[in-house]
């Protein structure tokens, strides 16, 4: 989870894990607002040209939220699913940082750029003589567990210095390859006879995958080089682009409608097993005490109070003992319940 802005001054790379490093215009409105506690997850369709932090700050301003963060960045030239966390939800963002991602991307063949995308300088051009069979073979070779070398235009650090800083200075430093998994690499459209030739791909991948690097590797496998011209994240974990709201739509809503767009904090833990506690055990668990029960061992569980039902936080179970992990405060539990009631009333009345 990060609430920090992008580093300044680098080229604008495309890729799921990359931080855009160009100086940006500020989208945050100047008007002061009265902040308030807001808890939950907003699935934002990040617009083209905005950094993740700029989109976060605009949504935070529109909701008048006290605390917010996002679960991983999208570059300004990338669009799509960006989960924004508010209040208590920020405590559980790490669970979603590790989620698998799905992207759709357009790849231009025949030109390699300094950044692996359309923002970089063209550093080589080659003729493109690619058949559908060759494309299919290259795609198959890049599907499954692969090793990726992080691009120089990325926010990864070496000796305390971001790689893009070395790249801006014209230096290339050694980077260790990292293991990632491409679960599926699908050709959605190929235009091999047009000028310039391009292909559109869908990529389902593990965390830490650089889509720019994948595009460059595919270009090399085809013998012609390539760079990304567009990137859209269509899914992350259990969240899909169909669930998202745009900033323009959010801005056109009234305050109640905006609040109704929020998912509860526990939506970040959709795959976790549930443990439900009675009133006495719930109160003790919320104060940080371990509880005994008939539960199977589990590395992480989502814990709820039974009556009224309320999300309390996470824990893990070992030898029949529920051990607290990240917990909401009693104040956050009460605020979340009140917020849920308001949202439900709005939905019933709309």
Protein backbone atom coordinates (compact mmCIF):
# COMPACT_ATOMS: atom_id res chain seq x y z
CA UNK A 1 0.00 0.00 0.00
CA UNK A 2 1.30 3.44 -0.82
CA UNK A 3 -0.05 6.92 -0.49
CA UNK A 4 3.13 8.54 -1.79
CA UNK A 5 3.34 10.32 -5.12
CA UNK A 6 5.40 9.16 -8.07
CA UNK A 7 9.10 9.98 -8.24
CA UNK A 8 9.82 12.87 -10.57
CA UNK A 9 11.67 13.18 -13.83
CA UNK A 10 11.87 9.78 -15.54
CA UNK A 11 10.20 8.54 -18.70
CA UNK A 12 6.69 7.15 -18.48
CA UNK A 13 6.86 3.35 -18.59
CA UNK A 14 3.96 0.98 -19.13
CA UNK A 15 3.67 -2.05 -16.86
CA UNK A 16 1.66 -3.42 -14.00
CA UNK A 17 4.29 -2.96 -11.31
CA UNK A 18 5.97 0.19 -12.60
CA UNK A 19 5.83 3.67 -11.12
CA UNK A 20 5.46 6.51 -13.61
CA UNK A 21 8.21 9.02 -13.00
CA UNK A 22 7.30 12.03 -15.12
CA UNK A 23 6.43 15.42 -13.71
CA UNK A 24 2.63 15.58 -13.66
CA UNK A 25 0.02 18.28 -13.57
CA UNK A 26 -1.89 18.31 -10.29
CA UNK A 27 -5.53 17.15 -10.45
CA UNK A 28 -6.21 17.63 -6.73
CA UNK A 29 -8.80 20.43 -6.32
CA UNK A 30 -7.68 23.40 -4.25
CA UNK A 31 -10.87 23.79 -2.25
CA UNK A 32 -10.62 22.73 1.39
CA UNK A 33 -13.04 20.08 2.55
CA UNK A 34 -14.11 18.85 5.95
CA UNK A 35 -12.55 15.39 6.24
CA UNK A 36 -14.39 12.50 7.89
CA UNK A 37 -13.83 8.80 8.61
CA UNK A 38 -14.65 6.70 5.55
CA UNK A 39 -14.07 2.94 5.46
CA UNK A 40 -14.12 0.63 2.48
CA UNK A 41 -12.82 -0.10 -1.02
CA UNK A 42 -13.56 1.90 -4.14
CA UNK A 43 -12.93 0.12 -7.45
CA UNK A 44 -11.79 2.93 -9.70
CA UNK A 45 -11.38 2.79 -13.47
CA UNK A 46 -8.21 4.88 -13.58
CA UNK A 47 -8.29 7.34 -16.46
CA UNK A 48 -5.59 7.77 -19.09
CA UNK A 49 -2.97 10.37 -18.22
CA UNK A 50 -3.43 10.28 -14.45
CA UNK A 51 -0.96 8.78 -12.02
CA UNK A 52 -2.37 6.38 -9.45
CA UNK A 53 -1.70 8.87 -6.69
CA UNK A 54 -3.46 11.70 -8.51
CA UNK A 55 -6.52 9.50 -9.02
CA UNK A 56 -6.40 8.49 -5.35
CA UNK A 57 -6.23 12.09 -4.16
CA UNK A 58 -9.18 13.12 -6.35
CA UNK A 59 -11.33 10.23 -5.07
CA UNK A 60 -10.25 10.98 -1.51
CA UNK A 61 -11.31 14.62 -1.96
CA UNK A 62 -14.68 13.64 -3.47
CA UNK A 63 -15.41 11.28 -0.54
CA UNK A 64 -13.97 13.72 2.03
CA UNK A 65 -12.02 10.78 3.45
CA UNK A 66 -9.44 11.15 6.21
CA UNK A 67 -7.20 8.25 5.21
CA UNK A 68 -6.66 6.50 1.88
CA UNK A 69 -4.20 4.45 -0.15
CA UNK A 70 -4.07 2.31 -3.29
CA UNK A 71 -3.10 -1.32 -3.77
CA UNK A 72 -0.30 -1.08 -6.30
CA UNK A 73 0.23 1.48 -9.04
CA UNK A 74 -0.84 1.91 -12.63
CA UNK A 75 1.18 4.22 -14.88
CA UNK A 76 -0.47 7.33 -16.36
CA UNK A 77 -0.55 5.66 -19.78
CA UNK A 78 -2.34 2.64 -18.31
CA UNK A 79 -6.05 2.55 -17.51
CA UNK A 80 -8.34 0.19 -15.65
CA UNK A 81 -8.90 -1.47 -12.30
CA UNK A 82 -7.31 0.40 -9.41
CA UNK A 83 -8.65 -0.58 -5.96
CA UNK A 84 -8.56 2.38 -3.58
CA UNK A 85 -8.68 1.69 0.15
CA UNK A 86 -10.15 4.04 2.73
CA UNK A 87 -9.89 4.04 6.51
CA UNK A 88 -9.88 0.55 8.02
CA UNK A 89 -9.49 -1.05 4.58
CA UNK A 90 -5.92 0.29 4.35
CA UNK A 91 -4.93 -2.26 7.02
CA UNK A 92 -5.68 -5.15 4.65
CA UNK A 93 -4.28 -3.84 1.39
CA UNK A 94 -1.28 -6.18 1.44
CA UNK A 95 -3.58 -9.12 0.79
CA UNK A 96 -4.51 -7.53 -2.52
CA UNK A 97 -1.00 -6.43 -3.48
CA UNK A 98 -0.20 -10.13 -3.84
CA UNK A 99 -3.21 -10.84 -6.10
CA UNK A 100 -2.96 -12.07 -9.68
CA UNK A 101 -3.63 -9.47 -12.37
CA UNK A 102 -5.20 -9.45 -15.84
CA UNK A 103 -4.24 -6.96 -18.55
CA UNK A 104 -5.05 -6.18 -22.16
CA UNK A 105 -2.24 -4.58 -24.10
CA UNK A 106 -1.36 -3.48 -27.63
CA UNK A 107 2.12 -4.25 -28.90
CA UNK A 108 3.78 -2.55 -31.89
CA UNK A 109 6.22 -4.80 -33.74
CA UNK A 110 9.46 -3.75 -35.43
CA UNK A 111 10.52 -0.95 -33.08
CA UNK A 112 12.28 -1.19 -29.76
CA UNK A 113 12.27 1.84 -27.46
CA UNK A 114 14.41 2.90 -24.53
CA UNK A 115 11.54 2.41 -22.07
CA UNK A 116 9.71 -0.49 -23.69
CA UNK A 117 6.68 1.71 -24.45
CA UNK A 118 5.60 4.53 -26.72
CA UNK A 119 7.07 7.23 -24.44
CA UNK A 120 10.66 6.15 -25.01
CA UNK A 121 13.06 6.95 -27.82
CA UNK A 122 13.29 4.46 -30.67
CA UNK A 123 16.61 2.65 -30.25
CA UNK A 124 16.29 0.04 -33.01
CA UNK A 125 14.11 -0.79 -35.98
CA UNK A 126 13.85 -4.10 -37.77
CA UNK A 127 11.76 -5.53 -40.55
CA UNK A 128 8.81 -7.62 -39.48
CA UNK A 129 8.37 -11.02 -41.12
CA UNK A 130 6.11 -12.86 -38.67
CA UNK A 131 3.63 -15.57 -39.53
CA UNK A 132 0.63 -16.51 -37.38
CA UNK A 133 2.33 -19.82 -36.61
CA UNK A 134 5.48 -18.06 -35.39
CA UNK A 135 3.39 -15.74 -33.22
CA UNK A 136 1.56 -18.69 -31.71
CA UNK A 137 4.83 -20.44 -30.93
CA UNK A 138 6.35 -17.38 -29.28
CA UNK A 139 3.23 -16.87 -27.18
CA UNK A 140 3.30 -20.47 -26.02
CA UNK A 141 6.99 -20.22 -25.09
CA UNK A 142 6.27 -17.25 -22.81
CA UNK A 143 3.35 -18.91 -21.03
CA UNK A 144 3.94 -20.50 -17.63
CA UNK A 145 6.75 -19.87 -15.13
CA UNK A 146 9.32 -17.52 -16.66
CA UNK A 147 12.24 -15.37 -15.51
CA UNK A 148 12.03 -11.62 -16.08
CA UNK A 149 14.78 -9.05 -15.81
CA UNK A 150 13.26 -5.83 -14.40
CA UNK A 151 13.47 -2.89 -16.81
CA UNK A 152 15.84 -0.01 -16.15
CA UNK A 153 12.92 2.41 -16.19
CA UNK A 154 11.36 1.08 -13.00
CA UNK A 155 11.18 2.08 -9.35
CA UNK A 156 13.14 -0.92 -8.08
CA UNK A 157 16.21 0.12 -6.14
CA UNK A 158 19.86 -0.86 -6.39
CA UNK A 159 22.29 0.42 -3.76
CA UNK A 160 19.57 2.70 -2.41
CA UNK A 161 18.90 4.33 -5.78
CA UNK A 162 15.90 3.76 -8.07
CA UNK A 163 16.73 2.08 -11.38
CA UNK A 164 15.09 4.87 -13.37
CA UNK A 165 17.62 7.30 -11.88
CA UNK A 166 20.47 5.28 -13.36
CA UNK A 167 18.58 5.09 -16.66
CA UNK A 168 18.08 8.87 -16.78
CA UNK A 169 21.83 9.27 -16.31
CA UNK A 170 22.46 6.95 -19.24
CA UNK A 171 23.70 4.09 -17.06
CA UNK A 172 22.61 0.47 -17.19
CA UNK A 173 23.20 -1.61 -14.07
CA UNK A 174 22.98 -5.32 -13.49
CA UNK A 175 19.57 -6.58 -12.36
CA UNK A 176 18.76 -10.04 -11.07
CA UNK A 177 16.07 -11.91 -12.97
CA UNK A 178 12.87 -12.60 -11.02
CA UNK A 179 10.52 -15.55 -11.24
CA UNK A 180 6.97 -14.71 -12.34
CA UNK A 181 4.16 -16.76 -13.83
CA UNK A 182 2.18 -16.02 -16.98
CA UNK A 183 -0.97 -18.07 -16.41
CA UNK A 184 -2.45 -17.23 -19.80
CA UNK A 185 -1.23 -15.22 -22.80
CA UNK A 186 -3.93 -14.88 -25.44
CA UNK A 187 -3.75 -13.16 -28.83
CA UNK A 188 -6.96 -11.15 -29.12
CA UNK A 189 -6.13 -9.59 -32.48
CA UNK A 190 -3.16 -9.64 -34.86
CA UNK A 191 -2.51 -7.18 -37.67
CA UNK A 192 0.73 -8.52 -39.04
CA UNK A 193 0.30 -7.02 -42.54
CA UNK A 194 -0.44 -3.44 -41.56
CA UNK A 195 2.16 -0.68 -41.04
CA UNK A 196 3.25 -0.72 -38.29
CA UNK A 197 2.29 -4.31 -37.49
CA UNK A 198 0.58 -4.72 -34.13
CA UNK A 199 -0.93 -7.39 -31.91
CA UNK A 200 -3.37 -7.13 -29.04
CA UNK A 201 -2.93 -9.48 -26.11
CA UNK A 202 -4.64 -10.51 -22.91
CA UNK A 203 -2.26 -11.39 -20.08
CA UNK A 204 -3.15 -13.11 -16.83
CA UNK A 205 -0.11 -13.06 -14.59
CA UNK A 206 1.28 -13.24 -11.08
CA UNK A 207 2.27 -10.24 -8.98
CA UNK A 208 5.54 -8.58 -9.95
CA UNK A 209 5.12 -9.11 -13.70
CA UNK A 210 6.33 -6.29 -15.93
CA UNK A 211 4.09 -6.13 -18.98
CA UNK A 212 6.60 -3.95 -20.83
CA UNK A 213 9.27 -6.57 -20.34
CA UNK A 214 6.90 -9.30 -21.49
CA UNK A 215 6.21 -7.29 -24.64
CA UNK A 216 9.91 -6.78 -25.30
CA UNK A 217 10.62 -10.48 -24.75
CA UNK A 218 7.88 -11.40 -27.21
CA UNK A 219 9.35 -8.98 -29.76
CA UNK A 220 12.77 -10.57 -29.39
CA UNK A 221 11.29 -14.05 -29.71
CA UNK A 222 9.73 -12.92 -33.01
CA UNK A 223 13.06 -11.50 -34.19
CA UNK A 224 11.81 -7.98 -34.80
CA UNK A 225 11.62 -6.16 -31.46
CA UNK A 226 8.50 -4.56 -30.02
CA UNK A 227 7.15 -1.98 -27.60
CA UNK A 228 3.84 -1.37 -25.81
CA UNK A 229 1.49 1.31 -27.11
CA UNK A 230 -1.44 0.77 -24.72
CA UNK A 231 -2.17 -1.05 -21.48
CA UNK A 232 -5.37 -1.66 -19.54
CA UNK A 233 -5.77 -3.63 -16.32
CA UNK A 234 -9.05 -5.51 -16.60
CA UNK A 235 -8.89 -7.47 -13.36
CA UNK A 236 -7.03 -7.82 -10.09
CA UNK A 237 -7.75 -10.69 -7.73
CA UNK A 238 -11.54 -11.12 -7.54
CA UNK A 239 -12.17 -7.58 -8.80
CA UNK A 240 -13.18 -6.97 -12.42
CA UNK A 241 -13.42 -3.87 -14.60
CA UNK A 242 -17.22 -4.26 -14.76
CA UNK A 243 -17.35 -3.34 -11.05
CA UNK A 244 -15.42 -0.10 -11.48
CA UNK A 245 -16.57 3.50 -11.44
CA UNK A 246 -14.87 6.32 -13.32
CA UNK A 247 -13.75 9.58 -11.75
CA UNK A 248 -16.12 11.47 -14.07
CA UNK A 249 -19.07 9.39 -12.89
CA UNK A 250 -18.03 9.76 -9.27
CA UNK A 251 -17.77 13.51 -9.63
CA UNK A 252 -21.30 13.70 -11.07
CA UNK A 253 -22.80 11.86 -8.07
CA UNK A 254 -24.08 13.31 -4.83
CA UNK A 255 -22.37 12.34 -1.59
CA UNK A 256 -24.70 9.45 -0.75
CA UNK A 257 -24.27 7.96 -4.21
CA UNK A 258 -20.50 8.13 -3.87
CA UNK A 259 -20.61 6.35 -0.53
CA UNK A 260 -22.83 3.66 -2.05
CA UNK A 261 -19.98 2.83 -4.48
CA UNK A 262 -17.81 1.60 -1.59
CA UNK A 263 -17.30 -2.09 -0.94
CA UNK A 264 -16.66 -3.17 2.67
CA UNK A 265 -13.08 -3.55 3.87
CA UNK A 266 -13.49 -7.32 4.08
CA UNK A 267 -13.97 -7.49 0.30
CA UNK A 268 -10.16 -7.50 0.15
CA UNK A 269 -10.27 -10.87 1.94
CA UNK A 270 -12.83 -12.60 -0.27
CA UNK A 271 -10.82 -15.82 -0.45
CA UNK A 272 -10.28 -16.17 3.31
CA UNK A 273 -12.13 -18.61 5.54
CA UNK A 274 -14.47 -17.01 8.08
CA UNK A 275 -14.51 -17.32 11.84
CA UNK A 276 -17.63 -15.98 13.60
CA UNK A 277 -17.49 -15.15 17.32
CA UNK A 278 -20.17 -14.58 19.93
CA UNK A 279 -20.40 -11.23 21.69
CA UNK A 280 -18.04 -12.03 24.60
CA UNK A 281 -15.38 -13.68 22.47
CA UNK A 282 -15.66 -10.94 19.85
CA UNK A 283 -14.95 -8.24 22.42
CA UNK A 284 -11.96 -10.10 23.81
CA UNK A 285 -10.58 -10.88 20.35
CA UNK A 286 -10.92 -7.22 19.37
CA UNK A 287 -8.81 -6.31 22.40
CA UNK A 288 -6.04 -8.59 21.12
CA UNK A 289 -6.72 -11.75 23.16
CA UNK A 290 -6.49 -15.26 21.71
CA UNK A 291 -9.63 -17.36 21.65
CA UNK A 292 -10.15 -21.14 21.81
CA UNK A 293 -12.56 -22.99 19.53
CA UNK A 294 -13.16 -25.88 17.17
CA UNK A 295 -11.42 -24.47 14.12
CA UNK A 296 -9.08 -26.02 11.59
CA UNK A 297 -5.57 -24.66 11.29
CA UNK A 298 -5.47 -21.82 8.78
CA UNK A 299 -2.80 -19.28 7.83
CA UNK A 300 -5.32 -16.43 7.65
CA UNK A 301 -9.00 -16.08 8.49
CA UNK A 302 -11.44 -13.18 8.37
CA UNK A 303 -13.05 -12.75 11.79
CA UNK A 304 -16.59 -11.46 12.43
CA UNK A 305 -18.81 -10.75 15.40
CA UNK A 306 -22.05 -12.71 15.18
CA UNK A 307 -24.74 -10.34 16.43
CA UNK A 308 -24.83 -7.81 15.02
CA UNK A 309 -22.56 -9.09 12.28
CA UNK A 310 -19.45 -6.96 12.11
CA UNK A 311 -16.01 -7.41 10.57
CA UNK A 312 -13.32 -7.37 13.28
CA UNK A 313 -10.12 -8.09 11.37
CA UNK A 314 -7.87 -11.01 10.51
CA UNK A 315 -6.16 -13.75 12.46
CA UNK A 316 -4.76 -17.23 12.03
CA UNK A 317 -5.69 -20.53 13.64
CA UNK A 318 -3.15 -22.90 15.13
CA UNK A 319 -4.05 -25.97 17.21
CA UNK A 320 -7.59 -24.72 17.85
CA UNK A 321 -6.43 -21.27 18.94
CA UNK A 322 -7.48 -18.11 17.09
CA UNK A 323 -4.58 -15.66 17.15
CA UNK A 324 -5.29 -11.99 16.30
CA UNK A 325 -3.61 -10.40 13.26
CA UNK A 326 -4.65 -7.03 11.85
CA UNK A 327 -7.62 -5.69 13.82
CA UNK A 328 -10.05 -2.83 13.50
CA UNK A 329 -10.32 -0.55 16.49
CA UNK A 330 -13.67 -0.56 18.36
CA UNK A 331 -14.22 2.95 16.95
CA UNK A 332 -13.65 1.72 13.38
CA UNK A 333 -16.05 -1.18 13.92
CA UNK A 334 -18.77 1.22 15.07
CA UNK A 335 -18.11 3.67 12.23
CA UNK A 336 -18.17 0.86 9.66
CA UNK A 337 -21.51 -0.42 10.97
CA UNK A 338 -23.03 3.06 10.85
CA UNK A 339 -21.68 3.61 7.34
CA UNK A 340 -23.09 0.26 6.16
CA UNK A 341 -26.51 1.17 7.56
CA UNK A 342 -26.47 4.50 5.71
CA UNK A 343 -25.50 2.81 2.44
CA UNK A 344 -28.26 0.22 2.82
CA UNK A 345 -30.84 2.94 3.45
CA UNK A 346 -29.66 4.76 0.33
CA UNK A 347 -29.96 1.61 -1.78
CA UNK A 348 -33.46 0.91 -0.49
CA UNK A 349 -34.56 4.46 -1.25
CA UNK A 350 -32.97 4.67 -4.70
